[in-house]
């Protein structure tokens, strides 16, 4: 992966009534000259009755928006839960796209991929394929992939990507993983449901951890010893700097302060695991 270091910043109405009012005003002005009834419609006046009746019985005109066409998600042989979880998201996407975007806080804030509604409708209509780490619907051009942690939540926020691109995670995904991890650590998760049990962010150690290609391998430090990470109290997510390392590894620097008040640069090393980018290391170098 040849990506250059870059800074990612981020940071949504009857004529009868009018006539009656006018006549009433005229009657008031000439009340000293007549008995108060001259010129006003009488109870037996057919024209007045017809006009009043028409005004009272004409129903109001209303305009109703057409119902959104539902996006129907194809079945996944042997995994009905995957269909239900993605269908919950697809129902929101069809009825209120903004709601779908807001509920998908597990994805980076810029979720422009969800703007491809008609392509998504076509793709997910076919049966899904249950893979090792995700369930995927594809038409050969576009794919919609839902990770297992998303499916388990009951509301799956999938990735929409080119079918030919199996390595669709990028720097923005790595940055968002770090943001979510540090938000948890500071007691302000991006959503109350964002916990490690429900949505794992620490690399599981399914393969040897070796970001510097030393050949040492072993488990990711955060997996082997979770307490080895500094206790971060605050961080500046708008000042993250992402640096690609070898293979799928990425390093991210972010200004941070620990619970003891020490400020510096926190450096995270991430790689791609079953649920996308995951945390393997975190250190804090005093400034």
Foldseek 3Di string as FASTA:
>chain_A
DDDAWDADFDDAAAPLVVVQVVVQVVLVVCVVPDVSCPPPDDPPRVVSVVRVVVVVPDDDDDDDDDAFDAQQAAAEVPCNLQRQQASVLRRCLRRPVVVSLVVPLLAQNPPCVSVPNVVSSVQRNYYWYDDDFWIWTGPQFKIWTFGPLSSVVSHTDTDIDGPVDPPPDDPSNQLSLVVQVLCVLQVRHPDPPPDCVSANFAAPLPWFDDQPPPPPGDAQPCNVPVVVAFRWNDWDSRGKMWGDTPDFKIKIWTWTAGPVGFTAIKIWIWGQDSRGIHTRDIDGDGD
